[in-house]
N, C-alpha and C. Protein backbone atom coordinates (compact mmCIF):
# COMPACT_ATOMS: atom_id res chain seq x y z
N LEU A 1 -5.16 -2.84 2.43
CA LEU A 1 -4.36 -3.93 2.53
C LEU A 1 -3.86 -4.16 3.67
N LYS A 2 -3.28 -3.01 4.11
CA LYS A 2 -2.67 -2.88 5.84
C LYS A 2 -3.41 -4.00 7.01
N HIS A 3 -5.20 -3.38 6.83
CA HIS A 3 -5.67 -4.15 7.75
C HIS A 3 -5.93 -5.81 7.34
N SER A 4 -6.47 -5.90 5.93
CA SER A 4 -7.16 -7.24 5.78
C SER A 4 -7.24 -7.02 4.06
N ARG A 5 -7.48 -8.16 3.48
CA ARG A 5 -7.28 -8.46 2.30
C ARG A 5 -8.51 -7.80 1.41
N LEU A 6 -8.29 -7.62 0.21
CA LEU A 6 -9.29 -6.54 -0.26
C LEU A 6 -9.29 -7.15 -2.00
N SER A 7 -10.34 -7.10 -2.15
CA SER A 7 -11.01 -7.55 -3.79
C SER A 7 -10.15 -6.18 -4.56
N ALA A 8 -9.93 -6.66 -5.73
CA ALA A 8 -9.28 -5.11 -7.04
C ALA A 8 -10.41 -4.42 -6.62
N GLY A 9 -11.73 -4.71 -6.79
CA GLY A 9 -12.98 -3.91 -6.95
C GLY A 9 -13.08 -2.98 -5.69
N GLU A 10 -12.80 -3.58 -4.68
CA GLU A 10 -12.55 -3.00 -3.18
C GLU A 10 -11.40 -1.94 -2.84
N ILE A 11 -10.31 -2.10 -4.16
CA ILE A 11 -8.99 -1.15 -3.63
C ILE A 11 -9.05 0.01 -4.83
N CYS A 12 -10.10 -0.57 -5.94
CA CYS A 12 -10.32 0.61 -6.89
C CYS A 12 -11.11 1.58 -6.27
N ASN A 13 -12.02 1.06 -5.33
CA ASN A 13 -12.89 2.23 -4.61
C ASN A 13 -12.29 3.53 -3.81
N HIS A 14 -10.83 3.34 -3.32
CA HIS A 14 -10.35 3.44 -2.60
C HIS A 14 -9.10 4.81 -3.42
N PHE A 15 -9.44 4.69 -4.64
CA PHE A 15 -8.23 5.46 -5.34
C PHE A 15 -8.86 6.39 -6.39
N SER A 16 -8.94 7.59 -7.15
CA SER A 16 -9.42 8.03 -8.31
C SER A 16 -8.88 7.67 -9.26
N ILE A 17 -8.12 7.00 -9.79
CA ILE A 17 -7.54 6.21 -11.04
C ILE A 17 -8.31 5.47 -11.48
N SER A 18 -8.30 5.19 -12.57
CA SER A 18 -9.10 3.99 -13.80
C SER A 18 -9.06 2.58 -12.53
N ASP A 19 -9.56 1.67 -13.11
CA ASP A 19 -9.39 0.24 -13.05
C ASP A 19 -8.43 -0.61 -13.72
N ALA A 20 -8.18 -0.41 -14.68
CA ALA A 20 -7.30 -0.53 -15.65
C ALA A 20 -5.90 -0.11 -14.74
N ALA A 21 -5.57 0.62 -14.11
CA ALA A 21 -4.33 1.41 -14.02
C ALA A 21 -4.51 0.62 -12.21
N VAL A 22 -5.10 0.63 -11.62
CA VAL A 22 -5.48 0.36 -10.22
C VAL A 22 -4.61 -1.77 -10.80
N SER A 23 -5.13 -2.05 -11.78
CA SER A 23 -5.01 -3.77 -12.02
C SER A 23 -3.56 -3.28 -12.34
N ARG A 24 -2.85 -2.76 -12.93
CA ARG A 24 -1.61 -2.66 -13.47
C ARG A 24 -0.87 -2.81 -12.25
N HIS A 25 -1.22 -1.70 -11.40
CA HIS A 25 -0.22 -1.24 -10.44
C HIS A 25 -0.26 -2.54 -9.53
N LEU A 26 -1.27 -3.57 -9.43
CA LEU A 26 -1.56 -4.82 -8.47
C LEU A 26 -0.62 -5.68 -9.01
N SER A 27 -0.16 -5.73 -10.29
CA SER A 27 0.49 -6.63 -11.28
C SER A 27 1.89 -6.30 -11.12
N VAL A 28 2.65 -5.06 -11.22
CA VAL A 28 3.56 -4.93 -10.74
C VAL A 28 3.98 -5.04 -9.14
N LEU A 29 3.14 -4.95 -8.15
CA LEU A 29 3.56 -4.90 -6.94
C LEU A 29 3.52 -6.55 -6.66
N LYS A 30 2.34 -7.49 -7.27
CA LYS A 30 2.59 -8.82 -7.47
C LYS A 30 3.77 -9.57 -7.49
N ASP A 31 4.22 -8.97 -9.04
CA ASP A 31 5.76 -9.21 -9.93
C ASP A 31 7.02 -9.17 -8.72
N ALA A 32 6.58 -8.01 -8.05
CA ALA A 32 7.56 -7.95 -7.08
C ALA A 32 7.60 -8.43 -6.01
N ASP A 33 6.44 -9.40 -5.85
CA ASP A 33 6.22 -10.04 -4.79
C ASP A 33 5.90 -9.45 -3.49
N LEU A 34 5.36 -7.97 -3.36
CA LEU A 34 5.09 -7.44 -2.25
C LEU A 34 3.42 -7.45 -1.81
N ILE A 35 3.13 -8.23 -2.61
CA ILE A 35 1.25 -8.54 -2.38
C ILE A 35 1.12 -10.01 -3.09
N ARG A 36 0.47 -10.57 -2.04
CA ARG A 36 -0.28 -12.10 -2.58
C ARG A 36 -1.68 -12.02 -3.18
N ASP A 37 -2.04 -12.92 -4.08
CA ASP A 37 -3.49 -13.06 -4.43
C ASP A 37 -4.08 -14.30 -4.07
N GLU A 38 -5.23 -14.18 -3.99
CA GLU A 38 -6.22 -15.57 -4.33
C GLU A 38 -7.23 -15.50 -4.46
N ARG A 39 -7.91 -16.53 -5.63
CA ARG A 39 -8.93 -16.40 -6.30
C ARG A 39 -10.37 -17.15 -5.42
N GLU A 40 -10.73 -16.67 -4.86
CA GLU A 40 -12.26 -16.96 -4.33
C GLU A 40 -13.37 -17.09 -5.32
N GLY A 41 -13.85 -18.01 -6.10
CA GLY A 41 -15.02 -17.89 -7.25
C GLY A 41 -14.49 -17.07 -7.91
N LYS A 42 -15.63 -16.17 -8.67
CA LYS A 42 -15.35 -14.66 -9.30
C LYS A 42 -14.29 -13.86 -9.27
N PHE A 43 -13.72 -13.81 -7.72
CA PHE A 43 -13.13 -12.63 -7.06
C PHE A 43 -11.76 -12.80 -7.33
N ILE A 44 -10.80 -12.28 -7.03
CA ILE A 44 -9.12 -12.59 -6.37
C ILE A 44 -9.42 -11.16 -5.72
N TYR A 45 -8.63 -11.62 -3.99
CA TYR A 45 -8.11 -11.02 -3.27
C TYR A 45 -6.65 -10.72 -3.04
N TYR A 46 -6.35 -9.44 -2.55
CA TYR A 46 -5.18 -9.33 -2.35
C TYR A 46 -4.87 -8.96 -0.87
N GLU A 47 -3.62 -9.19 -0.51
CA GLU A 47 -3.16 -8.88 0.71
C GLU A 47 -1.77 -8.75 0.94
N LEU A 48 -1.01 -7.98 1.72
CA LEU A 48 0.53 -7.73 1.71
C LEU A 48 0.98 -9.33 2.04
N ASN A 49 2.28 -9.19 1.34
CA ASN A 49 3.61 -10.24 1.77
C ASN A 49 3.93 -9.82 3.11
N ALA A 50 3.83 -9.85 4.32
CA ALA A 50 4.48 -9.18 5.35
C ALA A 50 5.64 -9.60 5.46
N SER A 51 5.96 -10.88 5.29
CA SER A 51 7.59 -11.66 4.96
C SER A 51 8.51 -10.78 4.14
N VAL A 52 7.85 -10.45 2.73
CA VAL A 52 9.16 -9.71 2.23
C VAL A 52 9.14 -8.46 2.77
N LEU A 53 8.07 -7.58 3.54
CA LEU A 53 7.85 -6.37 3.80
C LEU A 53 9.18 -6.35 5.02
N GLU A 54 9.08 -7.55 5.80
CA GLU A 54 10.22 -7.05 6.86
C GLU A 54 11.46 -7.41 6.44
N GLU A 55 11.50 -8.06 5.67
CA GLU A 55 13.00 -8.45 4.93
C GLU A 55 13.30 -7.00 4.18
N ILE A 56 12.52 -6.30 4.05
CA ILE A 56 12.84 -5.13 3.42
C ILE A 56 13.41 -4.06 4.22
N ILE A 57 12.48 -4.22 5.67
CA ILE A 57 12.89 -3.35 6.63
C ILE A 57 13.46 -3.71 7.37
N LEU A 58 14.17 -5.09 7.49
CA LEU A 58 15.64 -4.78 8.14
C LEU A 58 16.78 -4.89 7.06
N TRP A 59 16.79 -5.10 5.80
CA TRP A 59 17.63 -4.60 5.00
C TRP A 59 17.78 -3.18 4.95
N ILE A 60 16.79 -2.07 5.15
CA ILE A 60 17.15 -0.79 5.38
C ILE A 60 17.40 0.20 6.60
N SER A 61 17.33 -1.06 7.73
CA SER A 61 17.76 -0.93 9.13
C SER A 61 19.24 -1.32 9.30
N GLU A 62 19.32 -2.09 8.71
CA GLU A 62 21.12 -2.56 8.56
C GLU A 62 22.10 -1.58 7.36
N LEU A 63 21.09 -0.99 6.89
CA LEU A 63 21.57 0.08 6.10
C LEU A 63 22.42 1.17 6.72
N LYS A 64 21.16 1.63 7.54
CA LYS A 64 21.01 2.71 8.76
C LYS A 64 22.03 2.67 9.66
N GLY A 65 22.43 1.45 10.25
CA GLY A 65 23.19 0.82 11.10
C GLY A 65 22.81 0.62 12.31
N GLU A 66 21.16 0.38 12.02
CA GLU A 66 20.25 0.17 13.53
C GLU A 66 20.72 -1.38 13.41
N ASP A 67 21.52 -1.58 14.37
CA ASP A 67 21.31 -3.30 14.82
C ASP A 67 19.80 -3.70 15.78
N ASP A 68 19.50 -2.55 15.99
CA ASP A 68 18.42 -3.58 17.11
C ASP A 68 16.95 -3.37 16.60
N TYR A 69 17.06 -3.86 15.27
CA TYR A 69 15.56 -3.47 14.47
C TYR A 69 14.51 -4.50 15.54
N ASP A 70 13.08 -4.29 15.78
CA ASP A 70 12.69 -5.20 16.49
C ASP A 70 11.80 -5.61 15.59
N GLN A 71 11.61 -6.88 15.31
CA GLN A 71 10.84 -7.36 13.94
C GLN A 71 9.02 -7.50 14.97
N THR A 72 8.94 -7.28 15.73
CA THR A 72 7.27 -7.50 16.38
C THR A 72 6.73 -5.97 15.87
N THR A 73 7.41 -4.84 15.70
CA THR A 73 6.23 -3.92 15.19
C THR A 73 5.63 -3.25 14.11
């Protein structure tokens, strides 16, 4: 998901866990708003929710006292 959106089946191909386990993990990530999904025909494609991840990185940087976090990286 770092480089492009993937279907659930494509994601499953990267892990040696059951399809049901991948589905559950995707559900948890979606509930946490860390990924988004989009249905196209019979497939659902997943992608990272970059804005939420950037907010988390900024929050962590502030906790660490790093005032000059560069959001372009």
